[in-house]
Every structure is written in structure tokens, then in C-alpha cells.
Amino acid sequence: MSTRRRVFEAAFVVMLLNILSKILGLTREQIFAMFFGATGQLDAKVAAERITSAITVLSGPVSTTFLPVLAGYAARGDSEGAKRITSSIVSLSMVLVLAMAALVIIPAPHVVRLLSPGFGEDTLASATLLTRVLLPAMVFPLLSAFGKSVLNTYGRFGIPAFAPSLQNMVIIAAASLFGPVMGVRSLAIGFPLAYLAAFALHIPAWKRSPAWPSFSVRWDESTKKVIFMAVPIILGSICGQLYILANLNLASRLPEGSVAALSLADRLRQFPLGFFAVAVTTVLFPTLSGMWAKGDKEGFRAATVNGIRFVEFVCIPAAVGLMVLAEPIVRLVYQRGAFTPQHTALTAAALTAYAPAIAGMAAQSVTTFVFYSSQETRVPVALSVGTALLNIILDALLSRPLGLVGLALAHSISVTAGSLVGLYLLKRMLSGLALGPLAGSVLRALASSVIMGAGAVLVSRYTGFAAGSGSLVRDALAGGISIAVSGVIYVLASHVFRSEEISMVFGLVKQRLGARFGRDRSES
């Protein structure tokens, strides 16, 4: 089987599990919106998540540079070396995260107030409580990230892809059980339990792999290599976290609920990225790392172009669809309980400005992992720093005249610019990289998406989805019809424009159905 088809098939399986995860993640956000609305309570939750995630600024990059080094051991069949490097890196990262958490827990009220100066006292108190509880619990997502890297390296994609679904299930249960009584503080129970459950899911398969770690550190050449490669990524991550915290600071100064509206809009924007972009990069990263370790430069270049083509084929129409159907989608997904029509308008405005970034984020996710797979960390870090700085500048310029729309638009502009520069630098690094087929594929997807967008507007008006009926069932049916018809329009337009990706999808589905029916006939 060709590498192209093998990567695509594995990505297809991961995509299905990611769809489940995204559906559950959306359900989770629906419950948050229903119980808390786009109010100070949800602002507190978003602030706590962003502050606590900042402590992974040092350890997170290490988990990224760890995979290519581990893939080298796996490609050589060196199980002892795989266990040794895993033990060293996991042990160092755990100590680092717990130490940083301990440093922030005591001054947490001052940290929250500094980063969210526009919050009221109740919102600050809730954000402080959540921050203090979540800080030590961040060790579990870190361990899950290492477990995912190990299992993906050894060709096990299903368990890591299902872990986010389990995590969402636990959070949904906690919010549903305790949210009506405890409010947003119920998440102080739900999030730590969810993080623990997701990590525990990795343990059985991880223990059976050659790279189950022990708590030990060997400061050998491989460990130094992982740390050395992580240094520039850490600098980029610091800039990225500065952008996130600066964005939080500016959003907290806007009317109450702005932080929540941006977060809820971003959740919808992440949907198509999780459906396919994450699936492709999850499979592509270890595949490319293995190719690079074996010196297969031709396969490396081909897999890179195909990966970008596949994600853009899905994400470009998704961006257009979310732009033209932003308000009815937000209304359908969130508007119930404490989430009012005013909250819908606020969130839809943010989503419309966020959506154009989807195509750029998809391309950026692939190109970043391509650089990491080749053990080149300086270029993606420079891109990350440049994108973050541009984003911060645009945030400051656009937030005052445009409010939360300015913050979302600033992100879209900076990400798109960063993705284009990344492709240019990638072509310079990989001589012989064929960007011609990629450009043609993107143009065909864009043309098909414009046709689809026009059709989506007309169909949504005809079905009543655009105006809304006030009935969840009727709106869901109208929305389903509108989205399904829009998808058919996109497929037909892609077929007319002779997109290779649509033929690849149909061929894979046909092959899988044929194999399934063949097994059924042989068993009967």
C-alpha cells in the first residue's frame, strides 16, 4: 500500500474518532452555555483554562520534540533506547509542571486580577478557585500527550484519538450533576477527574509498548537533543502564551460575556479542524518522522503536499460555511437556557470574523509538524513568534473600534499571513517540493466553496434555518438539510472541477465497504 493511501486511511479512522470527540466537546459547550450563558461565570472558566495552560509553556514543547527522537529509536528497533529517552523526558516534564503549578497557586488571586483586570469580584473569585484547582491537575494532560506520542509512534492511533471523548464525557457528567447547584465552580470537580480519566485510558497500551517510562533521568545525548530542540519552541510558546494572555486582558475589558462569546465561537471554529486537520497531522507526524529518520526525502515531500491538500479540501468549505451560516448555527447550538438572543448575536459576530482563519490554521498545523518531523524547530518557532507579535499588534489596533470582532479578525489576519510565510519557507527547505499541485487543489476547493456558500445561503432561507423557528427540532432539521445540501453542492462542484481529493475519498469509502461486504459474505 502506498504511503499516501496508508496515511489517508489511518487519518480517516482518527477523523471518525475526532468527530465523536468534537460532538461531545460541542455538547459540553452547549451545557456550559445553557447553565451559565455568555456571562461572567463562563468568563471565569475561560480565564482559568488559559492561565493554567500557560504553565505547560516549558514542558509542552518538550513533548513535541520528543516524538521525532523516539521515532528514530523505533525505526531502528532500539527498545531499550526508546524506554530510556521516554523515562528521562517524562520525568523531567512532570517535575517541571508540578514545580510551576506550586509557584502560581499561592499568588493565584493576584495573577488572575493582573491578567483579567476587567472582571468583577464574583468572576475573579470563581476564576481564582478554578485556577488553583486546575494547576496541579495539568500534569495529567501532559502525561496524556506523552502517551499519545508513544502510541502514535508505534502505530496505535485509536486510543489517543478516543481519549478526548472520554475526557468530555466526564466533564459533561460533572457539569450536569453539579452545575445547577454549584455553578461554574462545579468544573473544579469535573476538569481534574476528566484529565485523570483521559490519562488512565493510555496506561494499558502504553505499558505494553517498548517505551513505558520509569521515574528516572539520564542526561545522555538523546535527552540533551530533545531539550536542545525544544528551546526555540519554548521561546515560540512563550510568545504564543503572551498573545493568549494579552487577548484575555483586552477581552476582559469589553462588556461581560465577551470572553465567553469568543471562546464559544472558537469552539465552533475548531470543529472542522478537529474533524480532519488534527486527524491528518496525528497520523502524518510520526509517518514523516519515520521517513526522515530513514532518509526517504521523496516520500517526505509527497506526504507533505498530500497532507496539506487533504486538510484544505475539507477546511476551506468549512470556513465559508461557518461565515455564511454563523448566526443560525450559533442559535441552533447554543441558544437555550441562560443563553439569550443577545448572546447569540455576540457569538455569531465573533464566529464570522474567526472563520476565515480555518484554512490558514489547517495549513499551519501541517507545515509546523513537517518542520518538527525533520527536527527543524527554529523556523516554526520564528513563525510562531512573528504570528503572535502581529496578532498582539492587530489586537491593540482593532479591539477598540471593533470590540470582540476586532480581536477575532486580528487572529484571522495574522494566522493567514503566518501560514503563507510558512509555505514559502517550507518550499525553501525542501528543494523539489511541488507546490503547483497544491495551489491548483486550493484554487479548486476555493471555487467549489464559493458556489457552495451561495447555495448554502439560498437553501437556509428556503428551509427557514436562516430565520429560525423557535423550535429546536424544526431548526435542527432545517439546519441538517441546509448543511447536507451544501455538502452535496460542494461535492458536485469539486467533481466538476476534477478535484483529486474527492476521488480519493470515494475510492477509500468504496474499498472499505467492499472489504466489509466481502467479509460478511465469507462469514455467511
Foldseek 3Di string as FASTA:
>chain_A
DDPLLVLVVQLQLLLVLLLLLLVLVLVLLQLLCQLPNLFLLLLLVLLLVLVLVLLCLQLVLLLLLLLLLLLLCVLVVNLVVLQQLLQASLLVSLVSQQVVLVVCLVVLLVVSCVLQVLHDPVSSVLSSLLNNLCSNLVSLVSLLSNLLSQCLSVPRHPLSSNLSSQLSVQSSVQCVVCCVPPNSSSVSVRNSVSSNSSSVSSPPVLVVGSHDYDNDHDPDPSNVLSSVLSVLVSLLSVLVSVLVSLLNHLQSNDPGSSSVLLVSLVSLLCSLCSSRLCSSLSNLLSVLSNCLSVVVLVSLLVSLLSSLLLSLLRLLLVLLQCQLQLLLVLCLSHPHNNHHSVSSVSSSLLNNLQSLQRSLVSLLSSLCSSCSSNSNRNVNSVLSNQLSVQLSVQCVVQCVVPNSSSNNNSNSVSSNVSSVVSVVVVCVVSPPRDCPLVVLSNVLSNVLSVQLSVQLNVQLVVLVSNVDDPDSVSNVVSVVVSVVVSVVSSLVSSVVSPRVNSVSVVVVVVVVVVVVVVVVVVVD
